[in-house]
All heavy atoms as atom14 arrays in JSON, in Angstrom:
{
  "sequence": "TVHKDCSERIREIDTSLYERVRDILEHNLAVRHLRGGEATRQKFHHSR",
  "atom14_mask": [
    [1, 1, 1, 1, 1, 1, 1, 0, 0, 0, 0, 0, 0, 0],
    [1, 1, 1, 1, 1, 1, 1, 0, 0, 0, 0, 0, 0, 0],
    [1, 1, 1, 1, 1, 1, 1, 1, 1, 1, 0, 0, 0, 0],
    [1, 1, 1, 1, 1, 1, 1, 1, 1, 0, 0, 0, 0, 0],
    [1, 1, 1, 1, 1, 1, 1, 1, 0, 0, 0, 0, 0, 0],
    [1, 1, 1, 1, 1, 1, 0, 0, 0, 0, 0, 0, 0, 0],
    [1, 1, 1, 1, 1, 1, 0, 0, 0, 0, 0, 0, 0, 0],
    [1, 1, 1, 1, 1, 1, 1, 1, 1, 0, 0, 0, 0, 0],
    [1, 1, 1, 1, 1, 1, 1, 1, 1, 1, 1, 0, 0, 0],
    [1, 1, 1, 1, 1, 1, 1, 1, 0, 0, 0, 0, 0, 0],
    [1, 1, 1, 1, 1, 1, 1, 1, 1, 1, 1, 0, 0, 0],
    [1, 1, 1, 1, 1, 1, 1, 1, 1, 0, 0, 0, 0, 0],
    [1, 1, 1, 1, 1, 1, 1, 1, 0, 0, 0, 0, 0, 0],
    [1, 1, 1, 1, 1, 1, 1, 1, 0, 0, 0, 0, 0, 0],
    [1, 1, 1, 1, 1, 1, 1, 0, 0, 0, 0, 0, 0, 0],
    [1, 1, 1, 1, 1, 1, 0, 0, 0, 0, 0, 0, 0, 0],
    [1, 1, 1, 1, 1, 1, 1, 1, 0, 0, 0, 0, 0, 0],
    [1, 1, 1, 1, 1, 1, 1, 1, 1, 1, 1, 1, 0, 0],
    [1, 1, 1, 1, 1, 1, 1, 1, 1, 0, 0, 0, 0, 0],
    [1, 1, 1, 1, 1, 1, 1, 1, 1, 1, 1, 0, 0, 0],
    [1, 1, 1, 1, 1, 1, 1, 0, 0, 0, 0, 0, 0, 0],
    [1, 1, 1, 1, 1, 1, 1, 1, 1, 1, 1, 0, 0, 0],
    [1, 1, 1, 1, 1, 1, 1, 1, 0, 0, 0, 0, 0, 0],
    [1, 1, 1, 1, 1, 1, 1, 1, 0, 0, 0, 0, 0, 0],
    [1, 1, 1, 1, 1, 1, 1, 1, 0, 0, 0, 0, 0, 0],
    [1, 1, 1, 1, 1, 1, 1, 1, 1, 0, 0, 0, 0, 0],
    [1, 1, 1, 1, 1, 1, 1, 1, 1, 1, 0, 0, 0, 0],
    [1, 1, 1, 1, 1, 1, 1, 1, 0, 0, 0, 0, 0, 0],
    [1, 1, 1, 1, 1, 1, 1, 1, 0, 0, 0, 0, 0, 0],
    [1, 1, 1, 1, 1, 0, 0, 0, 0, 0, 0, 0, 0, 0],
    [1, 1, 1, 1, 1, 1, 1, 0, 0, 0, 0, 0, 0, 0],
    [1, 1, 1, 1, 1, 1, 1, 1, 1, 1, 1, 0, 0, 0],
    [1, 1, 1, 1, 1, 1, 1, 1, 1, 1, 0, 0, 0, 0],
    [1, 1, 1, 1, 1, 1, 1, 1, 0, 0, 0, 0, 0, 0],
    [1, 1, 1, 1, 1, 1, 1, 1, 1, 1, 1, 0, 0, 0],
    [1, 1, 1, 1, 0, 0, 0, 0, 0, 0, 0, 0, 0, 0],
    [1, 1, 1, 1, 0, 0, 0, 0, 0, 0, 0, 0, 0, 0],
    [1, 1, 1, 1, 1, 1, 1, 1, 1, 0, 0, 0, 0, 0],
    [1, 1, 1, 1, 1, 0, 0, 0, 0, 0, 0, 0, 0, 0],
    [1, 1, 1, 1, 1, 1, 1, 0, 0, 0, 0, 0, 0, 0],
    [1, 1, 1, 1, 1, 1, 1, 1, 1, 1, 1, 0, 0, 0],
    [1, 1, 1, 1, 1, 1, 1, 1, 1, 0, 0, 0, 0, 0],
    [1, 1, 1, 1, 1, 1, 1, 1, 1, 0, 0, 0, 0, 0],
    [1, 1, 1, 1, 1, 1, 1, 1, 1, 1, 1, 0, 0, 0],
    [1, 1, 1, 1, 1, 1, 1, 1, 1, 1, 0, 0, 0, 0],
    [1, 1, 1, 1, 1, 1, 1, 1, 1, 1, 0, 0, 0, 0],
    [1, 1, 1, 1, 1, 1, 0, 0, 0, 0, 0, 0, 0, 0],
    [1, 1, 1, 1, 1, 1, 1, 1, 1, 1, 1, 0, 0, 0]
  ],
  "atom14_positions": [
    [[100.79, 82.35, 94.18], [100.06, 81.77, 95.33], [98.57, 82.13, 95.26], [97.72, 81.28, 95.46], [100.66, 82.27, 96.64], [102.01, 81.86, 96.68], [99.93, 81.73, 97.83], [0.0, 0.0, 0.0], [0.0, 0.0, 0.0], [0.0, 0.0, 0.0], [0.0, 0.0, 0.0], [0.0, 0.0, 0.0], [0.0, 0.0, 0.0], [0.0, 0.0, 0.0]],
    [[98.28, 83.41, 94.96], [96.89, 83.82, 94.89], [96.18, 83.09, 93.75], [95.06, 82.62, 93.92], [96.77, 85.37, 94.66], [95.36, 85.76, 94.36], [97.29, 86.09, 95.89], [0.0, 0.0, 0.0], [0.0, 0.0, 0.0], [0.0, 0.0, 0.0], [0.0, 0.0, 0.0], [0.0, 0.0, 0.0], [0.0, 0.0, 0.0], [0.0, 0.0, 0.0]],
    [[96.87, 82.93, 92.63], [96.25, 82.24, 91.48], [95.96, 80.78, 91.83], [94.88, 80.26, 91.53], [97.14, 82.35, 90.25], [96.49, 81.84, 89.03], [96.58, 80.54, 88.61], [95.66, 82.46, 88.14], [95.85, 80.39, 87.5], [95.3, 81.54, 87.21], [0.0, 0.0, 0.0], [0.0, 0.0, 0.0], [0.0, 0.0, 0.0], [0.0, 0.0, 0.0]],
    [[96.92, 80.13, 92.49], [96.71, 78.72, 92.86], [95.58, 78.62, 93.88], [94.76, 77.71, 93.82], [97.98, 78.15, 93.44], [97.87, 76.64, 93.75], [99.21, 76.04, 94.0], [99.07, 74.56, 94.26], [99.67, 73.75, 93.23], [0.0, 0.0, 0.0], [0.0, 0.0, 0.0], [0.0, 0.0, 0.0], [0.0, 0.0, 0.0], [0.0, 0.0, 0.0]],
    [[95.55, 79.57, 94.83], [94.45, 79.58, 95.83], [93.09, 79.7, 95.14], [92.15, 79.0, 95.5], [94.63, 80.74, 96.78], [95.75, 80.55, 97.8], [96.3, 79.43, 97.85], [96.09, 81.54, 98.49], [0.0, 0.0, 0.0], [0.0, 0.0, 0.0], [0.0, 0.0, 0.0], [0.0, 0.0, 0.0], [0.0, 0.0, 0.0], [0.0, 0.0, 0.0]],
    [[93.0, 80.58, 94.17], [91.71, 80.9, 93.54], [91.32, 79.93, 92.42], [90.16, 79.89, 92.02], [91.76, 82.32, 92.98], [91.91, 83.55, 94.27], [0.0, 0.0, 0.0], [0.0, 0.0, 0.0], [0.0, 0.0, 0.0], [0.0, 0.0, 0.0], [0.0, 0.0, 0.0], [0.0, 0.0, 0.0], [0.0, 0.0, 0.0], [0.0, 0.0, 0.0]],
    [[92.26, 79.17, 91.91], [91.92, 78.3, 90.81], [91.91, 76.82, 91.2], [91.24, 76.03, 90.52], [92.86, 78.5, 89.61], [94.19, 78.21, 90.01], [0.0, 0.0, 0.0], [0.0, 0.0, 0.0], [0.0, 0.0, 0.0], [0.0, 0.0, 0.0], [0.0, 0.0, 0.0], [0.0, 0.0, 0.0], [0.0, 0.0, 0.0], [0.0, 0.0, 0.0]],
    [[92.63, 76.46, 92.27], [92.71, 75.04, 92.64], [92.24, 74.78, 94.07], [91.34, 73.95, 94.27], [94.16, 74.54, 92.47], [94.66, 74.54, 91.06], [96.1, 74.15, 90.97], [96.64, 73.56, 91.93], [96.74, 74.4, 89.91], [0.0, 0.0, 0.0], [0.0, 0.0, 0.0], [0.0, 0.0, 0.0], [0.0, 0.0, 0.0], [0.0, 0.0, 0.0]],
    [[92.81, 75.44, 95.01], [92.55, 75.14, 96.42], [91.13, 75.44, 96.84], [90.54, 74.71, 97.62], [93.53, 75.89, 97.32], [94.96, 75.39, 97.14], [95.89, 76.12, 98.11], [97.23, 75.6, 97.95], [98.3, 76.36, 97.78], [98.17, 77.68, 97.75], [99.47, 75.82, 97.64], [0.0, 0.0, 0.0], [0.0, 0.0, 0.0], [0.0, 0.0, 0.0]],
    [[90.55, 76.53, 96.31], [89.2, 76.9, 96.72], [88.17, 75.86, 96.28], [87.13, 75.7, 96.91], [88.84, 78.32, 96.2], [87.52, 78.82, 96.83], [88.72, 78.33, 94.7], [87.6, 78.99, 98.31], [0.0, 0.0, 0.0], [0.0, 0.0, 0.0], [0.0, 0.0, 0.0], [0.0, 0.0, 0.0], [0.0, 0.0, 0.0], [0.0, 0.0, 0.0]],
    [[88.45, 75.17, 95.19], [87.52, 74.16, 94.68], [87.24, 73.08, 95.72], [86.13, 72.56, 95.83], [88.05, 73.56, 93.41], [87.02, 72.75, 92.65], [87.58, 72.1, 91.4], [88.17, 73.08, 90.51], [88.68, 72.78, 89.33], [88.68, 71.54, 88.91], [89.24, 73.7, 88.57], [0.0, 0.0, 0.0], [0.0, 0.0, 0.0], [0.0, 0.0, 0.0]],
    [[88.25, 72.73, 96.53], [88.1, 71.73, 97.57], [87.3, 72.23, 98.76], [86.68, 71.46, 99.48], [89.48, 71.27, 98.08], [90.35, 70.64, 97.06], [91.76, 70.4, 97.57], [91.96, 70.47, 98.8], [92.65, 70.14, 96.75], [0.0, 0.0, 0.0], [0.0, 0.0, 0.0], [0.0, 0.0, 0.0], [0.0, 0.0, 0.0], [0.0, 0.0, 0.0]],
    [[87.33, 73.54, 98.96], [86.72, 74.13, 100.16], [85.27, 74.57, 99.92], [84.38, 74.24, 100.7], [87.56, 75.33, 100.64], [88.98, 74.87, 100.99], [86.91, 76.01, 101.85], [89.96, 76.01, 101.25], [0.0, 0.0, 0.0], [0.0, 0.0, 0.0], [0.0, 0.0, 0.0], [0.0, 0.0, 0.0], [0.0, 0.0, 0.0], [0.0, 0.0, 0.0]],
    [[85.05, 75.34, 98.83], [83.75, 75.94, 98.59], [83.54, 76.09, 97.08], [84.07, 76.99, 96.46], [83.67, 77.3, 99.29], [82.29, 77.93, 99.23], [81.45, 77.47, 98.44], [82.06, 78.92, 99.93], [0.0, 0.0, 0.0], [0.0, 0.0, 0.0], [0.0, 0.0, 0.0], [0.0, 0.0, 0.0], [0.0, 0.0, 0.0], [0.0, 0.0, 0.0]],
    [[82.72, 75.21, 96.51], [82.56, 75.22, 95.05], [81.77, 76.44, 94.55], [82.04, 76.91, 93.46], [81.86, 73.92, 94.54], [80.64, 73.77, 95.26], [82.76, 72.71, 94.78], [0.0, 0.0, 0.0], [0.0, 0.0, 0.0], [0.0, 0.0, 0.0], [0.0, 0.0, 0.0], [0.0, 0.0, 0.0], [0.0, 0.0, 0.0], [0.0, 0.0, 0.0]],
    [[80.82, 76.91, 95.32], [80.07, 78.1, 94.87], [80.98, 79.35, 94.86], [80.89, 80.17, 93.93], [78.86, 78.34, 95.72], [79.21, 78.67, 97.04], [0.0, 0.0, 0.0], [0.0, 0.0, 0.0], [0.0, 0.0, 0.0], [0.0, 0.0, 0.0], [0.0, 0.0, 0.0], [0.0, 0.0, 0.0], [0.0, 0.0, 0.0], [0.0, 0.0, 0.0]],
    [[81.85, 79.48, 95.86], [82.81, 80.57, 95.88], [83.78, 80.43, 94.72], [84.17, 81.43, 94.09], [83.54, 80.62, 97.21], [84.52, 81.77, 97.43], [83.84, 83.12, 97.23], [85.16, 81.67, 98.8], [0.0, 0.0, 0.0], [0.0, 0.0, 0.0], [0.0, 0.0, 0.0], [0.0, 0.0, 0.0], [0.0, 0.0, 0.0], [0.0, 0.0, 0.0]],
    [[84.18, 79.2, 94.43], [85.08, 78.95, 93.28], [84.47, 79.46, 91.96], [85.14, 80.1, 91.17], [85.36, 77.46, 93.17], [85.96, 77.05, 91.84], [87.3, 77.35, 91.54], [85.22, 76.37, 90.89], [87.85, 76.99, 90.32], [85.72, 76.02, 89.69], [87.05, 76.33, 89.39], [87.6, 75.97, 88.19], [0.0, 0.0, 0.0], [0.0, 0.0, 0.0]],
    [[83.18, 79.2, 91.77], [82.49, 79.67, 90.54], [82.49, 81.19, 90.45], [82.75, 81.74, 89.38], [81.06, 79.17, 90.53], [80.93, 77.64, 90.43], [81.39, 77.09, 89.09], [81.23, 77.78, 88.06], [81.91, 75.96, 89.08], [0.0, 0.0, 0.0], [0.0, 0.0, 0.0], [0.0, 0.0, 0.0], [0.0, 0.0, 0.0], [0.0, 0.0, 0.0]],
    [[82.22, 81.88, 91.55], [82.2, 83.34, 91.54], [83.59, 83.9, 91.29], [83.74, 84.86, 90.5], [81.64, 83.86, 92.86], [80.19, 83.57, 93.05], [79.65, 84.21, 94.27], [80.48, 83.82, 95.43], [80.03, 83.47, 96.59], [78.75, 83.46, 96.84], [80.87, 83.12, 97.58], [0.0, 0.0, 0.0], [0.0, 0.0, 0.0], [0.0, 0.0, 0.0]],
    [[84.62, 83.35, 91.92], [85.98, 83.82, 91.72], [86.43, 83.56, 90.29], [87.05, 84.41, 89.67], [86.95, 83.16, 92.74], [88.4, 83.47, 92.39], [86.65, 83.63, 94.14], [0.0, 0.0, 0.0], [0.0, 0.0, 0.0], [0.0, 0.0, 0.0], [0.0, 0.0, 0.0], [0.0, 0.0, 0.0], [0.0, 0.0, 0.0], [0.0, 0.0, 0.0]],
    [[86.11, 82.38, 89.78], [86.49, 82.04, 88.41], [85.89, 83.05, 87.43], [86.56, 83.45, 86.47], [86.01, 80.62, 88.06], [86.58, 80.15, 86.72], [86.02, 78.86, 86.32], [84.59, 79.07, 86.06], [83.71, 78.14, 85.79], [84.11, 76.88, 85.77], [82.47, 78.39, 85.57], [0.0, 0.0, 0.0], [0.0, 0.0, 0.0], [0.0, 0.0, 0.0]],
    [[84.64, 83.44, 87.59], [84.02, 84.43, 86.72], [84.76, 85.74, 86.74], [84.99, 86.35, 85.69], [82.54, 84.64, 87.1], [81.68, 83.44, 86.78], [82.09, 82.58, 85.99], [80.57, 83.37, 87.36], [0.0, 0.0, 0.0], [0.0, 0.0, 0.0], [0.0, 0.0, 0.0], [0.0, 0.0, 0.0], [0.0, 0.0, 0.0], [0.0, 0.0, 0.0]],
    [[85.16, 86.18, 87.93], [85.9, 87.44, 88.04], [87.28, 87.33, 87.4], [87.71, 88.23, 86.64], [86.04, 87.87, 89.5], [84.65, 88.26, 90.03], [87.01, 89.03, 89.68], [84.58, 88.46, 91.52], [0.0, 0.0, 0.0], [0.0, 0.0, 0.0], [0.0, 0.0, 0.0], [0.0, 0.0, 0.0], [0.0, 0.0, 0.0], [0.0, 0.0, 0.0]],
    [[87.95, 86.2, 87.62], [89.28, 86.04, 87.01], [89.2, 85.94, 85.5], [90.06, 86.48, 84.77], [89.98, 84.79, 87.58], [90.31, 84.83, 89.06], [91.0, 83.54, 89.47], [91.19, 86.01, 89.39], [0.0, 0.0, 0.0], [0.0, 0.0, 0.0], [0.0, 0.0, 0.0], [0.0, 0.0, 0.0], [0.0, 0.0, 0.0], [0.0, 0.0, 0.0]],
    [[88.16, 85.3, 84.96], [87.98, 85.25, 83.51], [87.71, 86.64, 82.95], [88.24, 86.97, 81.85], [86.86, 84.28, 83.17], [87.24, 82.82, 83.3], [86.08, 81.9, 83.04], [84.96, 82.36, 82.7], [86.3, 80.67, 83.14], [0.0, 0.0, 0.0], [0.0, 0.0, 0.0], [0.0, 0.0, 0.0], [0.0, 0.0, 0.0], [0.0, 0.0, 0.0]],
    [[86.92, 87.44, 83.65], [86.68, 88.81, 83.2], [87.98, 89.61, 83.18], [88.24, 90.33, 82.22], [85.62, 89.48, 84.09], [85.51, 90.96, 83.84], [84.84, 91.44, 82.73], [85.97, 92.03, 84.52], [84.91, 92.75, 82.75], [85.58, 93.13, 83.82], [0.0, 0.0, 0.0], [0.0, 0.0, 0.0], [0.0, 0.0, 0.0], [0.0, 0.0, 0.0]],
    [[88.75, 89.51, 84.26], [90.0, 90.23, 84.34], [90.95, 89.81, 83.22], [91.66, 90.65, 82.64], [90.68, 90.03, 85.69], [89.97, 90.74, 86.81], [89.2, 91.66, 86.55], [90.23, 90.33, 88.05], [0.0, 0.0, 0.0], [0.0, 0.0, 0.0], [0.0, 0.0, 0.0], [0.0, 0.0, 0.0], [0.0, 0.0, 0.0], [0.0, 0.0, 0.0]],
    [[90.96, 88.55, 82.88], [91.79, 88.04, 81.8], [91.31, 88.62, 80.45], [92.12, 89.0, 79.61], [91.75, 86.52, 81.74], [92.59, 85.83, 80.66], [94.07, 86.13, 80.89], [92.33, 84.35, 80.64], [0.0, 0.0, 0.0], [0.0, 0.0, 0.0], [0.0, 0.0, 0.0], [0.0, 0.0, 0.0], [0.0, 0.0, 0.0], [0.0, 0.0, 0.0]],
    [[90.01, 88.74, 80.29], [89.46, 89.26, 79.01], [89.76, 90.74, 78.85], [89.88, 91.19, 77.69], [87.95, 89.01, 79.0], [0.0, 0.0, 0.0], [0.0, 0.0, 0.0], [0.0, 0.0, 0.0], [0.0, 0.0, 0.0], [0.0, 0.0, 0.0], [0.0, 0.0, 0.0], [0.0, 0.0, 0.0], [0.0, 0.0, 0.0], [0.0, 0.0, 0.0]],
    [[89.89, 91.5, 79.91], [90.1, 92.94, 79.76], [91.53, 93.38, 80.08], [91.81, 94.57, 80.08], [89.12, 93.73, 80.66], [87.66, 93.48, 80.23], [89.34, 93.49, 82.09], [0.0, 0.0, 0.0], [0.0, 0.0, 0.0], [0.0, 0.0, 0.0], [0.0, 0.0, 0.0], [0.0, 0.0, 0.0], [0.0, 0.0, 0.0], [0.0, 0.0, 0.0]],
    [[92.43, 92.47, 80.27], [93.76, 92.87, 80.66], [94.48, 93.64, 79.55], [95.3, 94.52, 79.84], [94.62, 91.68, 81.11], [95.17, 90.83, 80.02], [96.07, 89.78, 80.57], [96.36, 88.83, 79.5], [97.06, 87.76, 79.61], [97.51, 87.42, 80.82], [97.27, 86.95, 78.62], [0.0, 0.0, 0.0], [0.0, 0.0, 0.0], [0.0, 0.0, 0.0]],
    [[94.18, 93.36, 78.3], [94.82, 94.13, 77.24], [94.35, 95.6, 77.25], [95.09, 96.48, 76.89], [94.55, 93.47, 75.86], [93.12, 93.52, 75.44], [92.16, 92.7, 75.96], [92.48, 94.32, 74.55], [90.99, 92.98, 75.4], [91.17, 93.96, 74.52], [0.0, 0.0, 0.0], [0.0, 0.0, 0.0], [0.0, 0.0, 0.0], [0.0, 0.0, 0.0]],
    [[93.13, 95.81, 77.7], [92.65, 97.18, 77.81], [93.34, 97.92, 78.95], [93.68, 99.1, 78.82], [91.16, 97.17, 78.05], [90.29, 96.53, 76.93], [88.85, 96.46, 77.37], [90.45, 97.32, 75.65], [0.0, 0.0, 0.0], [0.0, 0.0, 0.0], [0.0, 0.0, 0.0], [0.0, 0.0, 0.0], [0.0, 0.0, 0.0], [0.0, 0.0, 0.0]],
    [[93.56, 97.25, 80.07], [94.27, 97.86, 81.18], [95.7, 98.2, 80.8], [96.23, 99.27, 81.16], [94.29, 96.93, 82.39], [92.99, 96.82, 83.07], [93.13, 96.03, 84.37], [91.81, 95.86, 84.94], [91.38, 94.78, 85.53], [92.17, 93.74, 85.67], [90.18, 94.7, 86.01], [0.0, 0.0, 0.0], [0.0, 0.0, 0.0], [0.0, 0.0, 0.0]],
    [[96.35, 97.3, 80.1], [97.71, 97.56, 79.68], [97.79, 98.74, 78.72], [98.69, 99.58, 78.79], [0.0, 0.0, 0.0], [0.0, 0.0, 0.0], [0.0, 0.0, 0.0], [0.0, 0.0, 0.0], [0.0, 0.0, 0.0], [0.0, 0.0, 0.0], [0.0, 0.0, 0.0], [0.0, 0.0, 0.0], [0.0, 0.0, 0.0], [0.0, 0.0, 0.0]],
    [[96.86, 98.82, 77.81], [96.82, 99.93, 76.84], [96.57, 101.27, 77.54], [97.18, 102.28, 77.21], [0.0, 0.0, 0.0], [0.0, 0.0, 0.0], [0.0, 0.0, 0.0], [0.0, 0.0, 0.0], [0.0, 0.0, 0.0], [0.0, 0.0, 0.0], [0.0, 0.0, 0.0], [0.0, 0.0, 0.0], [0.0, 0.0, 0.0], [0.0, 0.0, 0.0]],
    [[95.71, 101.27, 78.54], [95.45, 102.49, 79.29], [96.66, 102.91, 80.09], [96.98, 104.09, 80.17], [94.23, 102.28, 80.23], [93.88, 103.5, 81.04], [93.5, 104.72, 80.24], [93.1, 104.59, 79.08], [93.62, 105.83, 80.8], [0.0, 0.0, 0.0], [0.0, 0.0, 0.0], [0.0, 0.0, 0.0], [0.0, 0.0, 0.0], [0.0, 0.0, 0.0]],
    [[97.38, 101.96, 80.69], [98.58, 102.29, 81.45], [99.62, 102.91, 80.54], [100.28, 103.88, 80.91], [99.11, 101.04, 82.13], [0.0, 0.0, 0.0], [0.0, 0.0, 0.0], [0.0, 0.0, 0.0], [0.0, 0.0, 0.0], [0.0, 0.0, 0.0], [0.0, 0.0, 0.0], [0.0, 0.0, 0.0], [0.0, 0.0, 0.0], [0.0, 0.0, 0.0]],
    [[99.77, 102.37, 79.34], [100.76, 102.91, 78.38], [100.34, 104.32, 77.98], [101.18, 105.23, 77.9], [100.87, 102.0, 77.17], [101.24, 100.69, 77.61], [101.88, 102.55, 76.18], [0.0, 0.0, 0.0], [0.0, 0.0, 0.0], [0.0, 0.0, 0.0], [0.0, 0.0, 0.0], [0.0, 0.0, 0.0], [0.0, 0.0, 0.0], [0.0, 0.0, 0.0]],
    [[99.06, 104.54, 77.73], [98.6, 105.85, 77.33], [98.84, 106.88, 78.44], [99.32, 107.99, 78.16], [97.08, 105.79, 77.03], [96.56, 107.09, 76.43], [95.05, 106.98, 76.14], [94.26, 107.11, 77.33], [93.99, 108.25, 78.0], [94.53, 109.38, 77.56], [93.27, 108.28, 79.05], [0.0, 0.0, 0.0], [0.0, 0.0, 0.0], [0.0, 0.0, 0.0]],
    [[98.56, 106.49, 79.67], [98.82, 107.39, 80.81], [100.3, 107.7, 80.96], [100.68, 108.85, 81.23], [98.28, 106.77, 82.11], [96.79, 106.69, 82.17], [96.15, 108.09, 82.27], [96.72, 108.97, 82.87], [95.0, 108.23, 81.68], [0.0, 0.0, 0.0], [0.0, 0.0, 0.0], [0.0, 0.0, 0.0], [0.0, 0.0, 0.0], [0.0, 0.0, 0.0]],
    [[101.13, 106.71, 80.76], [102.57, 106.89, 80.89], [103.08, 107.94, 79.91], [103.82, 108.85, 80.27], [103.29, 105.56, 80.66], [104.79, 105.62, 80.61], [105.38, 104.29, 80.28], [106.86, 104.38, 80.0], [107.4, 103.09, 79.58], [0.0, 0.0, 0.0], [0.0, 0.0, 0.0], [0.0, 0.0, 0.0], [0.0, 0.0, 0.0], [0.0, 0.0, 0.0]],
    [[102.66, 107.83, 78.66], [103.13, 108.77, 77.66], [102.46, 110.12, 77.76], [103.03, 111.14, 77.41], [103.03, 108.17, 76.28], [104.03, 107.11, 76.02], [103.67, 105.79, 75.92], [105.37, 107.42, 75.88], [104.61, 104.77, 75.7], [106.34, 106.45, 75.65], [105.94, 105.13, 75.56], [0.0, 0.0, 0.0], [0.0, 0.0, 0.0], [0.0, 0.0, 0.0]],
    [[101.25, 110.16, 78.27], [100.53, 111.42, 78.46], [101.23, 112.24, 79.53], [101.39, 113.48, 79.38], [99.08, 111.15, 78.84], [98.29, 112.39, 79.15], [97.98, 113.3, 78.16], [97.8, 112.87, 80.3], [97.3, 114.28, 78.72], [97.17, 114.04, 80.0], [0.0, 0.0, 0.0], [0.0, 0.0, 0.0], [0.0, 0.0, 0.0], [0.0, 0.0, 0.0]],
    [[101.7, 111.59, 80.6], [102.33, 112.31, 81.71], [103.78, 112.67, 81.4], [104.36, 113.59, 82.02], [102.28, 111.5, 83.0], [100.92, 111.4, 83.55], [100.23, 112.49, 84.02], [100.06, 110.35, 83.72], [99.03, 112.13, 84.42], [98.92, 110.83, 84.28], [0.0, 0.0, 0.0], [0.0, 0.0, 0.0], [0.0, 0.0, 0.0], [0.0, 0.0, 0.0]],
    [[104.42, 111.97, 80.45], [105.82, 112.25, 80.15], [106.0, 113.46, 79.22], [107.12, 113.94, 79.06], [106.46, 111.02, 79.55], [105.95, 110.75, 78.27], [0.0, 0.0, 0.0], [0.0, 0.0, 0.0], [0.0, 0.0, 0.0], [0.0, 0.0, 0.0], [0.0, 0.0, 0.0], [0.0, 0.0, 0.0], [0.0, 0.0, 0.0], [0.0, 0.0, 0.0]],
    [[104.93, 113.95, 78.64], [105.06, 115.09, 77.72], [105.07, 116.38, 78.42], [104.81, 116.9, 79.28], [103.89, 115.09, 76.73], [104.05, 113.98, 75.75], [102.99, 114.08, 74.71], [103.18, 113.01, 73.75], [102.57, 112.94, 72.62], [101.71, 113.84, 72.29], [102.8, 111.94, 71.81], [0.0, 0.0, 0.0], [0.0, 0.0, 0.0], [0.0, 0.0, 0.0]]
  ]
}
């Protein structure tokens, strides 16, 4: 629902807000592999 709100519905309401949200979502997509790697590192660090 959040993804649909931020990628489709907002475009009809406010195009400038759509552009700002899209930039943030693209950044989050670009760094998600780093977040996943950090979560895995933390998981194994705490299990020792």
